[in-house]
Amino acid sequence: MNLTRFGFVFLALLLACSGCDQGLAPLNAPSGFSGVIHFKNWPSADSVWELRIIAFSTYPTDSASILIALANGNAAIYPPIGASGFRWFVTDGGVQKLRDSLQYTFATTGTSLQVSSYGYVVLAWRYGSNFLTDWRPGGVYSLLPGANTPSPVRVLLHRIQPDVDILVDFHNLPPRPWR
């Protein structure tokens, strides 16, 4: 009888533990997306002031809608404002070289990114000193290789979605969604 009771207890523990695929992982694991930004045909180094990824819930139609989306939480910026933007160059033997690619992870931790769907994910390029006006899209996330047609990105709870890659060809920039 004790052997049978032990068998039932063991079976119950085995079934209870088999449902824990994350073990003792935290319940607040980050959400977001990651990928690689590929660069082609860099402009002169003095015209690259800053590079950031911006995820918009909807396609912005003018420059005012960009600020409204950011203020209302309908857009998120990575790296966040106040932090340095992406480093687009590497130093090799004292010589600075422009990168061919750059890996990134845009997560909810430390940013305003939310568990939501984002219809327009763009690498924004600041080309001048005016922080409010000197921006343009450098590349967009698209499922069509080489196209500038935006594809949506869905941020799922406690999951970093991989392969949200962006191609930036400075000789073939996407159109500005704003005037």
C-alpha atoms as a PDB file:
ATOM      1  CA  MET A   1       0.000   0.000   0.000  1.00  0.00           C
ATOM      2  CA  ASN A   2       2.830   2.458   0.777  1.00  0.00           C
ATOM      3  CA  LEU A   3       4.436   1.625  -2.582  1.00  0.00           C
ATOM      4  CA  THR A   4       1.175   2.442  -4.386  1.00  0.00           C
ATOM      5  CA  ARG A   5       0.785   5.737  -2.518  1.00  0.00           C
ATOM      6  CA  PHE A   6       4.433   6.599  -3.327  1.00  0.00           C
ATOM      7  CA  GLY A   7       3.751   5.825  -7.006  1.00  0.00           C
ATOM      8  CA  PHE A   8       0.749   8.178  -7.100  1.00  0.00           C
ATOM      9  CA  VAL A   9       2.668  10.972  -5.377  1.00  0.00           C
ATOM     10  CA  PHE A  10       5.620  10.513  -7.752  1.00  0.00           C
ATOM     11  CA  LEU A  11       3.307  10.525 -10.796  1.00  0.00           C
ATOM     12  CA  ALA A  12       1.514  13.663  -9.545  1.00  0.00           C
ATOM     13  CA  LEU A  13       4.840  15.480  -9.030  1.00  0.00           C
ATOM     14  CA  LEU A  14       6.074  14.386 -12.439  1.00  0.00           C
ATOM     15  CA  LEU A  15       2.935  15.713 -14.145  1.00  0.00           C
ATOM     16  CA  ALA A  16       3.051  18.978 -12.193  1.00  0.00           C
ATOM     17  CA  CYS A  17       6.685  19.619 -13.104  1.00  0.00           C
ATOM     18  CA  SER A  18       6.298  18.720 -16.786  1.00  0.00           C
ATOM     19  CA  GLY A  19       4.105  21.799 -17.367  1.00  0.00           C
ATOM     20  CA  CYS A  20       6.891  24.203 -16.342  1.00  0.00           C
ATOM     21  CA  ASP A  21       8.794  24.739 -19.568  1.00  0.00           C
ATOM     22  CA  GLN A  22      10.519  27.857 -18.197  1.00  0.00           C
ATOM     23  CA  GLY A  23      11.455  26.361 -14.840  1.00  0.00           C
ATOM     24  CA  LEU A  24      11.908  29.117 -12.304  1.00  0.00           C
ATOM     25  CA  ALA A  25      12.339  31.836 -14.936  1.00  0.00           C
ATOM     26  CA  PRO A  26      10.994  35.261 -13.942  1.00  0.00           C
ATOM     27  CA  LEU A  27       7.432  36.087 -14.922  1.00  0.00           C
ATOM     28  CA  ASN A  28       8.561  39.522 -16.095  1.00  0.00           C
ATOM     29  CA  ALA A  29      10.923  38.428 -18.883  1.00  0.00           C
ATOM     30  CA  PRO A  30      11.287  41.165 -21.514  1.00  0.00           C
ATOM     31  CA  SER A  31       9.236  41.384 -24.673  1.00  0.00           C
ATOM     32  CA  GLY A  32      10.400  42.852 -27.964  1.00  0.00           C
ATOM     33  CA  PHE A  33      12.209  42.068 -31.186  1.00  0.00           C
ATOM     34  CA  SER A  34      15.762  41.753 -32.442  1.00  0.00           C
ATOM     35  CA  GLY A  35      17.599  41.575 -35.704  1.00  0.00           C
ATOM     36  CA  VAL A  36      20.446  42.834 -37.821  1.00  0.00           C
ATOM     37  CA  ILE A  37      20.700  46.188 -39.562  1.00  0.00           C
ATOM     38  CA  HIS A  38      22.642  45.870 -42.838  1.00  0.00           C
ATOM     39  CA  PHE A  39      24.234  49.006 -44.313  1.00  0.00           C
ATOM     40  CA  LYS A  40      25.127  49.825 -47.933  1.00  0.00           C
ATOM     41  CA  ASN A  41      26.450  52.936 -49.680  1.00  0.00           C
ATOM     42  CA  TRP A  42      27.255  55.054 -46.629  1.00  0.00           C
ATOM     43  CA  PRO A  43      27.116  58.839 -47.100  1.00  0.00           C
ATOM     44  CA  SER A  44      29.957  61.038 -45.889  1.00  0.00           C
ATOM     45  CA  ALA A  45      30.669  60.534 -42.178  1.00  0.00           C
ATOM     46  CA  ASP A  46      29.787  64.144 -41.300  1.00  0.00           C
ATOM     47  CA  SER A  47      26.189  63.610 -42.489  1.00  0.00           C
ATOM     48  CA  VAL A  48      25.467  60.786 -40.028  1.00  0.00           C
ATOM     49  CA  TRP A  49      24.641  62.359 -36.691  1.00  0.00           C
ATOM     50  CA  GLU A  50      22.463  59.661 -35.178  1.00  0.00           C
ATOM     51  CA  LEU A  51      20.732  56.337 -35.929  1.00  0.00           C
ATOM     52  CA  ARG A  52      17.729  55.011 -33.980  1.00  0.00           C
ATOM     53  CA  ILE A  53      14.949  52.501 -34.527  1.00  0.00           C
ATOM     54  CA  ILE A  54      11.422  53.833 -34.179  1.00  0.00           C
ATOM     55  CA  ALA A  55       8.433  51.496 -33.981  1.00  0.00           C
ATOM     56  CA  PHE A  56       5.095  53.152 -34.846  1.00  0.00           C
ATOM     57  CA  SER A  57       1.746  51.479 -34.223  1.00  0.00           C
ATOM     58  CA  THR A  58       0.456  53.118 -37.427  1.00  0.00           C
ATOM     59  CA  TYR A  59       2.146  54.671 -40.444  1.00  0.00           C
ATOM     60  CA  PRO A  60       2.816  58.366 -39.684  1.00  0.00           C
ATOM     61  CA  THR A  61       1.305  60.750 -42.210  1.00  0.00           C
ATOM     62  CA  ASP A  62       3.069  63.976 -41.270  1.00  0.00           C
ATOM     63  CA  SER A  63       5.764  65.236 -38.933  1.00  0.00           C
ATOM     64  CA  ALA A  64       3.204  66.366 -36.326  1.00  0.00           C
ATOM     65  CA  SER A  65       1.763  62.838 -36.112  1.00  0.00           C
ATOM     66  CA  ILE A  66       5.240  61.539 -35.204  1.00  0.00           C
ATOM     67  CA  LEU A  67       5.446  63.727 -32.103  1.00  0.00           C
ATOM     68  CA  ILE A  68       1.830  62.922 -31.178  1.00  0.00           C
ATOM     69  CA  ALA A  69       2.502  59.174 -31.546  1.00  0.00           C
ATOM     70  CA  LEU A  70       5.567  59.440 -29.310  1.00  0.00           C
ATOM     71  CA  ALA A  71       3.720  61.498 -26.691  1.00  0.00           C
ATOM     72  CA  ASN A  72       0.712  59.135 -26.658  1.00  0.00           C
ATOM     73  CA  GLY A  73       2.807  55.957 -26.388  1.00  0.00           C
ATOM     74  CA  ASN A  74       1.911  54.841 -29.940  1.00  0.00           C
ATOM     75  CA  ALA A  75       5.580  54.824 -30.932  1.00  0.00           C
ATOM     76  CA  ALA A  76       8.784  53.771 -29.225  1.00  0.00           C
ATOM     77  CA  ILE A  77      12.433  54.713 -29.844  1.00  0.00           C
ATOM     78  CA  TYR A  78      15.543  52.570 -29.449  1.00  0.00           C
ATOM     79  CA  PRO A  79      18.060  53.408 -28.113  1.00  0.00           C
ATOM     80  CA  PRO A  80      15.884  55.655 -25.931  1.00  0.00           C
ATOM     81  CA  ILE A  81      16.296  59.423 -26.036  1.00  0.00           C
ATOM     82  CA  GLY A  82      18.968  60.354 -23.520  1.00  0.00           C
ATOM     83  CA  ALA A  83      21.063  57.304 -24.380  1.00  0.00           C
ATOM     84  CA  SER A  84      23.657  57.278 -27.144  1.00  0.00           C
ATOM     85  CA  GLY A  85      22.397  56.154 -30.539  1.00  0.00           C
ATOM     86  CA  PHE A  86      23.828  53.193 -32.400  1.00  0.00           C
ATOM     87  CA  ARG A  87      27.574  53.160 -33.035  1.00  0.00           C
ATOM     88  CA  TRP A  88      27.803  52.943 -36.807  1.00  0.00           C
ATOM     89  CA  PHE A  89      31.573  52.739 -36.919  1.00  0.00           C
ATOM     90  CA  VAL A  90      34.237  50.473 -35.454  1.00  0.00           C
ATOM     91  CA  THR A  91      37.810  51.356 -34.601  1.00  0.00           C
ATOM     92  CA  ASP A  92      40.395  48.992 -36.051  1.00  0.00           C
ATOM     93  CA  GLY A  93      44.055  49.781 -35.377  1.00  0.00           C
ATOM     94  CA  GLY A  94      43.263  53.429 -34.650  1.00  0.00           C
ATOM     95  CA  VAL A  95      41.264  53.827 -37.895  1.00  0.00           C
ATOM     96  CA  GLN A  96      37.496  54.292 -37.838  1.00  0.00           C
ATOM     97  CA  LYS A  97      35.587  52.147 -40.347  1.00  0.00           C
ATOM     98  CA  LEU A  98      31.883  52.210 -41.147  1.00  0.00           C
ATOM     99  CA  ARG A  99      29.988  49.062 -40.180  1.00  0.00           C
ATOM    100  CA  ASP A 100      28.509  46.631 -42.673  1.00  0.00           C
ATOM    101  CA  SER A 101      25.994  45.399 -40.118  1.00  0.00           C
ATOM    102  CA  LEU A 102      24.841  45.918 -36.561  1.00  0.00           C
ATOM    103  CA  GLN A 103      22.920  43.565 -34.256  1.00  0.00           C
ATOM    104  CA  TYR A 104      20.240  45.009 -31.980  1.00  0.00           C
ATOM    105  CA  THR A 105      17.574  43.994 -29.462  1.00  0.00           C
ATOM    106  CA  PHE A 106      14.650  46.376 -28.943  1.00  0.00           C
ATOM    107  CA  ALA A 107      12.981  45.264 -25.709  1.00  0.00           C
ATOM    108  CA  THR A 108      10.320  46.610 -23.376  1.00  0.00           C
ATOM    109  CA  THR A 109      12.897  46.920 -20.590  1.00  0.00           C
ATOM    110  CA  GLY A 110      14.116  50.525 -20.391  1.00  0.00           C
ATOM    111  CA  THR A 111      12.047  51.736 -23.370  1.00  0.00           C
ATOM    112  CA  SER A 112       8.442  52.709 -24.081  1.00  0.00           C
ATOM    113  CA  LEU A 113       7.940  49.635 -26.305  1.00  0.00           C
ATOM    114  CA  GLN A 114       4.731  47.817 -25.385  1.00  0.00           C
ATOM    115  CA  VAL A 115       3.209  44.415 -26.052  1.00  0.00           C
ATOM    116  CA  SER A 116       1.368  45.465 -29.189  1.00  0.00           C
ATOM    117  CA  SER A 117       1.475  45.447 -32.969  1.00  0.00           C
ATOM    118  CA  TYR A 118       3.677  47.964 -34.768  1.00  0.00           C
ATOM    119  CA  GLY A 119       2.822  48.663 -38.402  1.00  0.00           C
ATOM    120  CA  TYR A 120       5.923  50.685 -39.280  1.00  0.00           C
ATOM    121  CA  VAL A 121       9.390  49.887 -37.915  1.00  0.00           C
ATOM    122  CA  VAL A 122      12.047  52.188 -39.317  1.00  0.00           C
ATOM    123  CA  LEU A 123      15.705  52.966 -38.806  1.00  0.00           C
ATOM    124  CA  ALA A 124      15.675  56.760 -38.506  1.00  0.00           C
ATOM    125  CA  TRP A 125      18.743  58.666 -39.692  1.00  0.00           C
ATOM    126  CA  ARG A 126      19.539  62.146 -38.375  1.00  0.00           C
ATOM    127  CA  TYR A 127      21.640  63.927 -40.968  1.00  0.00           C
ATOM    128  CA  GLY A 128      21.984  67.388 -39.407  1.00  0.00           C
ATOM    129  CA  SER A 129      22.148  69.369 -36.193  1.00  0.00           C
ATOM    130  CA  ASN A 130      18.424  70.121 -35.805  1.00  0.00           C
ATOM    131  CA  PHE A 131      17.072  67.368 -33.553  1.00  0.00           C
ATOM    132  CA  LEU A 132      13.429  68.037 -34.483  1.00  0.00           C
ATOM    133  CA  THR A 133      13.649  68.359 -38.273  1.00  0.00           C
ATOM    134  CA  ASP A 134      16.808  66.724 -39.657  1.00  0.00           C
ATOM    135  CA  TRP A 135      15.538  63.120 -39.759  1.00  0.00           C
ATOM    136  CA  ARG A 136      14.591  60.767 -42.541  1.00  0.00           C
ATOM    137  CA  PRO A 137      13.951  57.034 -42.863  1.00  0.00           C
ATOM    138  CA  GLY A 138      17.108  55.060 -43.562  1.00  0.00           C
ATOM    139  CA  GLY A 139      15.454  51.664 -43.897  1.00  0.00           C
ATOM    140  CA  VAL A 140      12.219  49.908 -42.958  1.00  0.00           C
ATOM    141  CA  TYR A 141      11.479  46.398 -41.753  1.00  0.00           C
ATOM    142  CA  SER A 142      10.010  44.565 -44.719  1.00  0.00           C
ATOM    143  CA  LEU A 143       9.304  40.936 -45.521  1.00  0.00           C
ATOM    144  CA  LEU A 144      10.047  41.705 -49.184  1.00  0.00           C
ATOM    145  CA  PRO A 145      13.856  41.738 -49.638  1.00  0.00           C
ATOM    146  CA  GLY A 146      15.126  45.045 -50.997  1.00  0.00           C
ATOM    147  CA  ALA A 147      11.677  46.632 -50.865  1.00  0.00           C
ATOM    148  CA  ASN A 148      10.706  49.651 -48.837  1.00  0.00           C
ATOM    149  CA  THR A 149       7.229  48.263 -48.137  1.00  0.00           C
ATOM    150  CA  PRO A 150       6.699  48.200 -44.350  1.00  0.00           C
ATOM    151  CA  SER A 151       5.745  44.920 -42.681  1.00  0.00           C
ATOM    152  CA  PRO A 152       4.163  44.769 -39.227  1.00  0.00           C
ATOM    153  CA  VAL A 153       5.980  43.516 -36.132  1.00  0.00           C
ATOM    154  CA  ARG A 154       3.997  41.989 -33.297  1.00  0.00           C
ATOM    155  CA  VAL A 155       5.565  42.270 -29.842  1.00  0.00           C
ATOM    156  CA  LEU A 156       4.454  39.247 -27.803  1.00  0.00           C
ATOM    157  CA  LEU A 157       4.445  38.941 -24.035  1.00  0.00           C
ATOM    158  CA  HIS A 158       7.731  37.597 -22.591  1.00  0.00           C
ATOM    159  CA  ARG A 159       9.204  36.868 -26.027  1.00  0.00           C
ATOM    160  CA  ILE A 160      11.925  38.519 -28.102  1.00  0.00           C
ATOM    161  CA  GLN A 161      10.944  38.011 -31.755  1.00  0.00           C
ATOM    162  CA  PRO A 162      14.087  37.353 -33.828  1.00  0.00           C
ATOM    163  CA  ASP A 163      14.902  38.231 -37.446  1.00  0.00           C
ATOM    164  CA  VAL A 164      13.429  41.717 -37.633  1.00  0.00           C
ATOM    165  CA  ASP A 165      16.199  42.707 -40.037  1.00  0.00           C
ATOM    166  CA  ILE A 166      16.452  46.110 -41.705  1.00  0.00           C
ATOM    167  CA  LEU A 167      18.381  46.968 -44.875  1.00  0.00           C
ATOM    168  CA  VAL A 168      19.705  50.522 -45.084  1.00  0.00           C
ATOM    169  CA  ASP A 169      20.847  51.518 -48.569  1.00  0.00           C
ATOM    170  CA  PHE A 170      21.715  55.208 -48.474  1.00  0.00           C
ATOM    171  CA  HIS A 171      21.416  55.322 -52.306  1.00  0.00           C
ATOM    172  CA  ASN A 172      17.878  53.869 -52.184  1.00  0.00           C
ATOM    173  CA  LEU A 173      16.170  55.352 -49.130  1.00  0.00           C
ATOM    174  CA  PRO A 174      12.516  54.679 -48.340  1.00  0.00           C
ATOM    175  CA  PRO A 175      10.075  57.528 -48.952  1.00  0.00           C
ATOM    176  CA  ARG A 176       9.330  59.880 -46.101  1.00  0.00           C
ATOM    177  CA  PRO A 177       5.884  59.172 -44.735  1.00  0.00           C
ATOM    178  CA  TRP A 178       5.607  62.822 -43.736  1.00  0.00           C
ATOM    179  CA  ARG A 179       6.091  66.122 -45.509  1.00  0.00           C
END
